[in-house]
PDB file of N, CA and C in Angstrom:
ATOM      1  N   UNK A   1      -3.027   2.920   4.224  1.00  0.00           N
ATOM      2  CA  UNK A   1      -2.010   1.912   4.136  1.00  0.00           C
ATOM      3  C   UNK A   1      -0.895   2.425   3.231  1.00  0.00           C
ATOM      4  N   UNK A   2       0.330   2.222   3.694  1.00  0.00           N
ATOM      5  CA  UNK A   2       1.518   2.568   2.918  1.00  0.00           C
ATOM      6  C   UNK A   2       2.162   1.277   2.453  1.00  0.00           C
ATOM      7  N   UNK A   3       2.485   1.203   1.154  1.00  0.00           N
ATOM      8  CA  UNK A   3       3.168   0.033   0.613  1.00  0.00           C
ATOM      9  C   UNK A   3       4.516   0.477   0.070  1.00  0.00           C
ATOM     10  N   UNK A   4       5.579  -0.089   0.632  1.00  0.00           N
ATOM     11  CA  UNK A   4       6.937   0.136   0.136  1.00  0.00           C
ATOM     12  C   UNK A   4       7.315  -1.115  -0.648  1.00  0.00           C
ATOM     13  N   UNK A   5       7.214  -1.040  -1.962  1.00  0.00           N
ATOM     14  CA  UNK A   5       7.430  -2.198  -2.822  1.00  0.00           C
ATOM     15  C   UNK A   5       8.870  -2.233  -3.313  1.00  0.00           C
ATOM     16  N   UNK A   6       9.470  -3.406  -3.303  1.00  0.00           N
ATOM     17  CA  UNK A   6      10.858  -3.606  -3.736  1.00  0.00           C
ATOM     18  C   UNK A   6      11.843  -2.769  -2.929  1.00  0.00           C
ATOM     19  N   UNK A   7      11.623  -2.699  -1.625  1.00  0.00           N
ATOM     20  CA  UNK A   7      12.518  -1.963  -0.739  1.00  0.00           C
ATOM     21  C   UNK A   7      13.937  -2.500  -0.884  1.00  0.00           C
ATOM     22  N   UNK A   8      14.877  -1.600  -1.042  1.00  0.00           N
ATOM     23  CA  UNK A   8      16.279  -1.985  -1.112  1.00  0.00           C
ATOM     24  C   UNK A   8      16.815  -2.215  -2.505  1.00  0.00           C
ATOM     25  N   UNK A   9      16.027  -1.904  -3.533  1.00  0.00           N
ATOM     26  CA  UNK A   9      16.504  -2.142  -4.898  1.00  0.00           C
ATOM     27  C   UNK A   9      17.243  -0.952  -5.493  1.00  0.00           C
ATOM     28  N   UNK A  10      17.172   0.192  -4.843  1.00  0.00           N
ATOM     29  CA  UNK A  10      17.920   1.360  -5.316  1.00  0.00           C
ATOM     30  C   UNK A  10      18.700   1.948  -4.144  1.00  0.00           C
ATOM     31  N   UNK A  11      19.673   2.763  -4.465  1.00  0.00           N
ATOM     32  CA  UNK A  11      20.518   3.329  -3.415  1.00  0.00           C
ATOM     33  C   UNK A  11      19.726   4.298  -2.546  1.00  0.00           C
ATOM     34  N   UNK A  12      20.204   4.477  -1.326  1.00  0.00           N
ATOM     35  CA  UNK A  12      19.533   5.342  -0.367  1.00  0.00           C
ATOM     36  C   UNK A  12      20.582   6.239   0.289  1.00  0.00           C
ATOM     37  N   UNK A  13      20.250   7.497   0.442  1.00  0.00           N
ATOM     38  CA  UNK A  13      21.164   8.430   1.099  1.00  0.00           C
ATOM     39  C   UNK A  13      20.896   8.431   2.601  1.00  0.00           C
ATOM     40  N   UNK A  14      21.785   9.054   3.339  1.00  0.00           N
ATOM     41  CA  UNK A  14      21.592   9.192   4.781  1.00  0.00           C
ATOM     42  C   UNK A  14      20.310   9.953   5.072  1.00  0.00           C
ATOM     43  N   UNK A  15      20.053  11.006   4.295  1.00  0.00           N
ATOM     44  CA  UNK A  15      18.809  11.770   4.473  1.00  0.00           C
ATOM     45  C   UNK A  15      17.581  10.907   4.177  1.00  0.00           C
ATOM     46  N   UNK A  16      17.673  10.072   3.136  1.00  0.00           N
ATOM     47  CA  UNK A  16      16.562   9.168   2.812  1.00  0.00           C
ATOM     48  C   UNK A  16      16.282   8.212   3.968  1.00  0.00           C
ATOM     49  N   UNK A  17      17.343   7.661   4.554  1.00  0.00           N
ATOM     50  CA  UNK A  17      17.186   6.725   5.676  1.00  0.00           C
ATOM     51  C   UNK A  17      16.544   7.423   6.869  1.00  0.00           C
ATOM     52  N   UNK A  18      16.965   8.643   7.136  1.00  0.00           N
ATOM     53  CA  UNK A  18      16.386   9.413   8.239  1.00  0.00           C
ATOM     54  C   UNK A  18      14.920   9.717   7.971  1.00  0.00           C
ATOM     55  N   UNK A  19      14.604  10.088   6.741  1.00  0.00           N
ATOM     56  CA  UNK A  19      13.204  10.350   6.376  1.00  0.00           C
ATOM     57  C   UNK A  19      12.359   9.085   6.495  1.00  0.00           C
ATOM     58  N   UNK A  20      12.927   7.948   6.091  1.00  0.00           N
ATOM     59  CA  UNK A  20      12.214   6.681   6.231  1.00  0.00           C
ATOM     60  C   UNK A  20      11.928   6.394   7.697  1.00  0.00           C
ATOM     61  N   UNK A  21      12.912   6.626   8.552  1.00  0.00           N
ATOM     62  CA  UNK A  21      12.695   6.433   9.987  1.00  0.00           C
ATOM     63  C   UNK A  21      11.538   7.297  10.475  1.00  0.00           C
ATOM     64  N   UNK A  22      11.506   8.552  10.070  1.00  0.00           N
ATOM     65  CA  UNK A  22      10.439   9.458  10.517  1.00  0.00           C
ATOM     66  C   UNK A  22       9.069   8.975  10.052  1.00  0.00           C
ATOM     67  N   UNK A  23       9.006   8.454   8.837  1.00  0.00           N
ATOM     68  CA  UNK A  23       7.739   7.927   8.320  1.00  0.00           C
ATOM     69  C   UNK A  23       7.306   6.706   9.128  1.00  0.00           C
ATOM     70  N   UNK A  24       8.236   5.780   9.337  1.00  0.00           N
ATOM     71  CA  UNK A  24       7.931   4.571  10.109  1.00  0.00           C
ATOM     72  C   UNK A  24       7.535   4.937  11.532  1.00  0.00           C
ATOM     73  N   UNK A  25       8.259   5.866  12.133  1.00  0.00           N
ATOM     74  CA  UNK A  25       7.965   6.314  13.503  1.00  0.00           C
ATOM     75  C   UNK A  25       6.547   6.876  13.596  1.00  0.00           C
ATOM     76  N   UNK A  26       6.169   7.708  12.632  1.00  0.00           N
ATOM     77  CA  UNK A  26       4.830   8.308  12.644  1.00  0.00           C
ATOM     78  C   UNK A  26       3.723   7.269  12.460  1.00  0.00           C
ATOM     79  N   UNK A  27       4.025   6.177  11.756  1.00  0.00           N
ATOM     80  CA  UNK A  27       3.012   5.178  11.443  1.00  0.00           C
ATOM     81  C   UNK A  27       2.936   4.052  12.466  1.00  0.00           C
ATOM     82  N   UNK A  28       3.964   3.890  13.280  1.00  0.00           N
ATOM     83  CA  UNK A  28       4.038   2.766  14.218  1.00  0.00           C
ATOM     84  C   UNK A  28       2.797   2.706  15.099  1.00  0.00           C
ATOM     85  N   UNK A  29       2.177   1.542  15.113  1.00  0.00           N
ATOM     86  CA  UNK A  29       0.997   1.228  15.923  1.00  0.00           C
ATOM     87  C   UNK A  29      -0.247   2.030  15.552  1.00  0.00           C
ATOM     88  N   UNK A  30      -0.187   2.821  14.496  1.00  0.00           N
ATOM     89  CA  UNK A  30      -1.351   3.608  14.089  1.00  0.00           C
ATOM     90  C   UNK A  30      -1.871   3.222  12.710  1.00  0.00           C
ATOM     91  N   UNK A  31      -0.957   2.929  11.802  1.00  0.00           N
ATOM     92  CA  UNK A  31      -1.332   2.683  10.420  1.00  0.00           C
ATOM     93  C   UNK A  31      -0.637   1.428   9.897  1.00  0.00           C
ATOM     94  N   UNK A  32      -1.253   0.819   8.912  1.00  0.00           N
ATOM     95  CA  UNK A  32      -0.673  -0.372   8.295  1.00  0.00           C
ATOM     96  C   UNK A  32       0.395   0.016   7.291  1.00  0.00           C
ATOM     97  N   UNK A  33       1.451  -0.776   7.270  1.00  0.00           N
ATOM     98  CA  UNK A  33       2.543  -0.584   6.320  1.00  0.00           C
ATOM     99  C   UNK A  33       2.954  -1.953   5.802  1.00  0.00           C
ATOM    100  N   UNK A  34       3.056  -2.074   4.490  1.00  0.00           N
ATOM    101  CA  UNK A  34       3.534  -3.304   3.868  1.00  0.00           C
ATOM    102  C   UNK A  34       4.874  -2.996   3.221  1.00  0.00           C
ATOM    103  N   UNK A  35       5.855  -3.831   3.513  1.00  0.00           N
ATOM    104  CA  UNK A  35       7.179  -3.670   2.914  1.00  0.00           C
ATOM    105  C   UNK A  35       7.507  -4.965   2.186  1.00  0.00           C
ATOM    106  N   UNK A  36       7.747  -4.863   0.877  1.00  0.00           N
ATOM    107  CA  UNK A  36       8.212  -6.021   0.125  1.00  0.00           C
ATOM    108  C   UNK A  36       9.662  -5.775  -0.237  1.00  0.00           C
ATOM    109  N   UNK A  37      10.460  -6.830  -0.159  1.00  0.00           N
ATOM    110  CA  UNK A  37      11.883  -6.671  -0.432  1.00  0.00           C
ATOM    111  C   UNK A  37      12.501  -8.008  -0.774  1.00  0.00           C
ATOM    112  N   UNK A  38      13.457  -7.982  -1.671  1.00  0.00           N
ATOM    113  CA  UNK A  38      14.274  -9.160  -1.930  1.00  0.00           C
ATOM    114  C   UNK A  38      15.554  -9.086  -1.103  1.00  0.00           C
ATOM    115  N   UNK A  39      15.719  -7.996  -0.400  1.00  0.00           N
ATOM    116  CA  UNK A  39      16.886  -7.780   0.451  1.00  0.00           C
ATOM    117  C   UNK A  39      16.621  -8.408   1.818  1.00  0.00           C
ATOM    118  N   UNK A  40      17.445  -9.371   2.243  1.00  0.00           N
ATOM    119  CA  UNK A  40      17.232  -9.972   3.564  1.00  0.00           C
ATOM    120  C   UNK A  40      17.324  -8.917   4.668  1.00  0.00           C
ATOM    121  N   UNK A  41      16.515  -9.071   5.694  1.00  0.00           N
ATOM    122  CA  UNK A  41      16.518  -8.115   6.805  1.00  0.00           C
ATOM    123  C   UNK A  41      17.923  -7.970   7.381  1.00  0.00           C
ATOM    124  N   UNK A  42      18.689  -9.048   7.386  1.00  0.00           N
ATOM    125  CA  UNK A  42      20.057  -8.994   7.915  1.00  0.00           C
ATOM    126  C   UNK A  42      20.954  -8.050   7.112  1.00  0.00           C
ATOM    127  N   UNK A  43      20.567  -7.703   5.899  1.00  0.00           N
ATOM    128  CA  UNK A  43      21.353  -6.787   5.061  1.00  0.00           C
ATOM    129  C   UNK A  43      20.892  -5.336   5.168  1.00  0.00           C
ATOM    130  N   UNK A  44      19.838  -5.082   5.928  1.00  0.00           N
ATOM    131  CA  UNK A  44      19.304  -3.722   6.017  1.00  0.00           C
ATOM    132  C   UNK A  44      20.282  -2.764   6.673  1.00  0.00           C
ATOM    133  N   UNK A  45      21.098  -3.249   7.606  1.00  0.00           N
ATOM    134  CA  UNK A  45      22.080  -2.366   8.245  1.00  0.00           C
ATOM    135  C   UNK A  45      23.047  -1.814   7.205  1.00  0.00           C
ATOM    136  N   UNK A  46      23.567  -2.680   6.353  1.00  0.00           N
ATOM    137  CA  UNK A  46      24.474  -2.215   5.299  1.00  0.00           C
ATOM    138  C   UNK A  46      23.753  -1.297   4.326  1.00  0.00           C
ATOM    139  N   UNK A  47      22.537  -1.660   3.974  1.00  0.00           N
ATOM    140  CA  UNK A  47      21.773  -0.867   3.014  1.00  0.00           C
ATOM    141  C   UNK A  47      21.482   0.535   3.547  1.00  0.00           C
ATOM    142  N   UNK A  48      21.043   0.628   4.792  1.00  0.00           N
ATOM    143  CA  UNK A  48      20.695   1.928   5.379  1.00  0.00           C
ATOM    144  C   UNK A  48      21.929   2.741   5.751  1.00  0.00           C
ATOM    145  N   UNK A  49      23.071   2.075   5.896  1.00  0.00           N
ATOM    146  CA  UNK A  49      24.364   2.736   6.091  1.00  0.00           C
ATOM    147  C   UNK A  49      24.408   3.640   7.319  1.00  0.00           C
ATOM    148  N   UNK A  50      23.596   3.317   8.315  1.00  0.00           N
ATOM    149  CA  UNK A  50      23.590   4.077   9.567  1.00  0.00           C
ATOM    150  C   UNK A  50      23.000   3.156  10.631  1.00  0.00           C
ATOM    151  N   UNK A  51      23.869   2.593  11.468  1.00  0.00           N
ATOM    152  CA  UNK A  51      23.424   1.591  12.436  1.00  0.00           C
ATOM    153  C   UNK A  51      22.354   2.112  13.388  1.00  0.00           C
ATOM    154  N   UNK A  52      22.465   3.361  13.789  1.00  0.00           N
ATOM    155  CA  UNK A  52      21.489   3.927  14.724  1.00  0.00           C
ATOM    156  C   UNK A  52      20.112   4.018  14.084  1.00  0.00           C
ATOM    157  N   UNK A  53      20.065   4.534  12.871  1.00  0.00           N
ATOM    158  CA  UNK A  53      18.792   4.645  12.151  1.00  0.00           C
ATOM    159  C   UNK A  53      18.254   3.251  11.831  1.00  0.00           C
ATOM    160  N   UNK A  54      19.129   2.346  11.412  1.00  0.00           N
ATOM    161  CA  UNK A  54      18.702   0.978  11.109  1.00  0.00           C
ATOM    162  C   UNK A  54      18.117   0.307  12.348  1.00  0.00           C
ATOM    163  N   UNK A  55      18.775   0.472  13.497  1.00  0.00           N
ATOM    164  CA  UNK A  55      18.243  -0.077  14.754  1.00  0.00           C
ATOM    165  C   UNK A  55      16.844   0.455  15.041  1.00  0.00           C
ATOM    166  N   UNK A  56      16.681   1.752  14.886  1.00  0.00           N
ATOM    167  CA  UNK A  56      15.395   2.385  15.188  1.00  0.00           C
ATOM    168  C   UNK A  56      14.299   1.903  14.235  1.00  0.00           C
ATOM    169  N   UNK A  57      14.617   1.823  12.955  1.00  0.00           N
ATOM    170  CA  UNK A  57      13.635   1.365  11.969  1.00  0.00           C
ATOM    171  C   UNK A  57      13.272  -0.095  12.221  1.00  0.00           C
ATOM    172  N   UNK A  58      14.286  -0.941  12.353  1.00  0.00           N
ATOM    173  CA  UNK A  58      14.026  -2.370  12.537  1.00  0.00           C
ATOM    174  C   UNK A  58      13.301  -2.656  13.841  1.00  0.00           C
ATOM    175  N   UNK A  59      13.618  -1.913  14.886  1.00  0.00           N
ATOM    176  CA  UNK A  59      12.924  -2.093  16.159  1.00  0.00           C
ATOM    177  C   UNK A  59      11.428  -1.849  15.998  1.00  0.00           C
ATOM    178  N   UNK A  60      11.072  -0.843  15.250  1.00  0.00           N
ATOM    179  CA  UNK A  60       9.660  -0.512  15.057  1.00  0.00           C
ATOM    180  C   UNK A  60       8.968  -1.484  14.102  1.00  0.00           C
ATOM    181  N   UNK A  61       9.707  -1.967  13.114  1.00  0.00           N
ATOM    182  CA  UNK A  61       9.105  -2.862  12.124  1.00  0.00           C
ATOM    183  C   UNK A  61       9.022  -4.296  12.641  1.00  0.00           C
ATOM    184  N   UNK A  62      10.118  -4.819  13.106  1.00  0.00           N
ATOM    185  CA  UNK A  62      10.207  -6.237  13.458  1.00  0.00           C
ATOM    186  C   UNK A  62       9.274  -6.623  14.601  1.00  0.00           C
ATOM    187  N   UNK A  63       9.170  -5.788  15.610  1.00  0.00           N
ATOM    188  CA  UNK A  63       8.406  -6.159  16.796  1.00  0.00           C
ATOM    189  C   UNK A  63       6.900  -5.974  16.653  1.00  0.00           C
ATOM    190  N   UNK A  64       6.469  -5.429  15.539  1.00  0.00           N
ATOM    191  CA  UNK A  64       5.028  -5.259  15.349  1.00  0.00           C
ATOM    192  C   UNK A  64       4.597  -5.723  13.960  1.00  0.00           C
ATOM    193  N   UNK A  65       5.285  -6.745  13.442  1.00  0.00           N
ATOM    194  CA  UNK A  65       4.999  -7.151  12.069  1.00  0.00           C
ATOM    195  C   UNK A  65       4.609  -8.619  11.968  1.00  0.00           C
ATOM    196  N   UNK A  66       4.030  -8.927  10.836  1.00  0.00           N
ATOM    197  CA  UNK A  66       3.776 -10.300  10.425  1.00  0.00           C
ATOM    198  C   UNK A  66       4.693 -10.518   9.233  1.00  0.00           C
ATOM    199  N   UNK A  67       5.625 -11.420   9.372  1.00  0.00           N
ATOM    200  CA  UNK A  67       6.634 -11.622   8.336  1.00  0.00           C
ATOM    201  C   UNK A  67       6.272 -12.838   7.494  1.00  0.00           C
ATOM    202  N   UNK A  68       6.294 -12.649   6.190  1.00  0.00           N
ATOM    203  CA  UNK A  68       6.011 -13.731   5.253  1.00  0.00           C
ATOM    204  C   UNK A  68       7.219 -13.850   4.336  1.00  0.00           C
ATOM    205  N   UNK A  69       7.854 -15.010   4.357  1.00  0.00           N
ATOM    206  CA  UNK A  69       8.997 -15.239   3.486  1.00  0.00           C
ATOM    207  C   UNK A  69       8.587 -16.222   2.402  1.00  0.00           C
ATOM    208  N   UNK A  70       8.771 -15.808   1.164  1.00  0.00           N
ATOM    209  CA  UNK A  70       8.431 -16.659   0.034  1.00  0.00           C
ATOM    210  C   UNK A  70       9.668 -17.431  -0.393  1.00  0.00           C
ATOM    211  N   UNK A  71       9.456 -18.679  -0.752  1.00  0.00           N
ATOM    212  CA  UNK A  71      10.556 -19.523  -1.199  1.00  0.00           C
ATOM    213  C   UNK A  71      10.231 -20.061  -2.578  1.00  0.00           C
ATOM    214  N   UNK A  72      11.250 -20.524  -3.256  1.00  0.00           N
ATOM    215  CA  UNK A  72      11.044 -21.112  -4.570  1.00  0.00           C
ATOM    216  C   UNK A  72      11.480 -20.168  -5.667  1.00  0.00           C
ATOM    217  N   UNK A  73      11.225 -20.613  -6.885  1.00  0.00           N
ATOM    218  CA  UNK A  73      11.637 -19.827  -8.038  1.00  0.00           C
ATOM    219  C   UNK A  73      10.740 -18.607  -8.228  1.00  0.00           C
ATOM    220  N   UNK A  74      11.277 -17.648  -8.909  1.00  0.00           N
ATOM    221  CA  UNK A  74      10.548 -16.434  -9.248  1.00  0.00           C
ATOM    222  C   UNK A  74       9.340 -16.784 -10.114  1.00  0.00           C
ATOM    223  N   UNK A  75       8.200 -16.170  -9.820  1.00  0.00           N
ATOM    224  CA  UNK A  75       7.005 -16.382 -10.642  1.00  0.00           C
ATOM    225  C   UNK A  75       7.243 -15.897 -12.068  1.00  0.00           C
ATOM    226  N   UNK A  76       8.018 -14.846 -12.235  1.00  0.00           N
ATOM    227  CA  UNK A  76       8.322 -14.364 -13.586  1.00  0.00           C
ATOM    228  C   UNK A  76       9.090 -15.431 -14.366  1.00  0.00           C
ATOM    229  N   UNK A  77      10.032 -16.073 -13.686  1.00  0.00           N
ATOM    230  CA  UNK A  77      10.813 -17.126 -14.328  1.00  0.00           C
ATOM    231  C   UNK A  77       9.915 -18.303 -14.692  1.00  0.00           C
ATOM    232  N   UNK A  78       9.054 -18.707 -13.772  1.00  0.00           N
ATOM    233  CA  UNK A  78       8.143 -19.817 -14.043  1.00  0.00           C
ATOM    234  C   UNK A  78       7.192 -19.490 -15.185  1.00  0.00           C
ATOM    235  N   UNK A  79       6.670 -18.282 -15.198  1.00  0.00           N
ATOM    236  CA  UNK A  79       5.744 -17.876 -16.270  1.00  0.00           C
ATOM    237  C   UNK A  79       6.445 -17.844 -17.619  1.00  0.00           C
ATOM    238  N   UNK A  80       7.702 -17.425 -17.642  1.00  0.00           N
ATOM    239  CA  UNK A  80       8.422 -17.369 -18.917  1.00  0.00           C
ATOM    240  C   UNK A  80       8.630 -18.778 -19.467  1.00  0.00           C
ATOM    241  N   UNK A  81       8.822 -19.772 -18.596  1.00  0.00           N
ATOM    242  CA  UNK A  81       8.951 -21.161 -19.042  1.00  0.00           C
ATOM    243  C   UNK A  81       7.636 -21.652 -19.631  1.00  0.00           C
ATOM    244  N   UNK A  82       6.521 -21.281 -19.004  1.00  0.00           N
ATOM    245  CA  UNK A  82       5.201 -21.700 -19.483  1.00  0.00           C
ATOM    246  C   UNK A  82       4.927 -21.098 -20.856  1.00  0.00           C
ATOM    247  N   UNK A  83       5.287 -19.839 -21.049  1.00  0.00           N
ATOM    248  CA  UNK A  83       5.027 -19.157 -22.313  1.00  0.00           C
ATOM    249  C   UNK A  83       5.884 -19.698 -23.451  1.00  0.00           C
ATOM    250  N   UNK A  84       6.998 -20.350 -23.140  1.00  0.00           N
ATOM    251  CA  UNK A  84       7.888 -20.880 -24.178  1.00  0.00           C
ATOM    252  C   UNK A  84       7.445 -22.249 -24.675  1.00  0.00           C
ATOM    253  N   UNK A  85       6.501 -22.868 -23.964  1.00  0.00           N
ATOM    254  CA  UNK A  85       6.057 -24.222 -24.350  1.00  0.00           C
ATOM    255  C   UNK A  85       5.129 -24.159 -25.529  1.00  0.00           C
TER     256      UNK A  85
END
């Protein structure tokens, strides 16, 4: 299992995006991959800065994934309020 935690929190080069595509391509339908991100999927095109690569990555991820969207306040924020009481 590959876990990409906090995807989209740092800058990515064109080479990085291409390498990510190759990793996703190799894993598609064979291995589990978990991607956590605060970046909305709709912003991935801008983040990856290459529409062709973004299309290829999203096509492989979106059509074979289980998507879980969390709502509400940050757990870190909630915990900090509890610790201040």
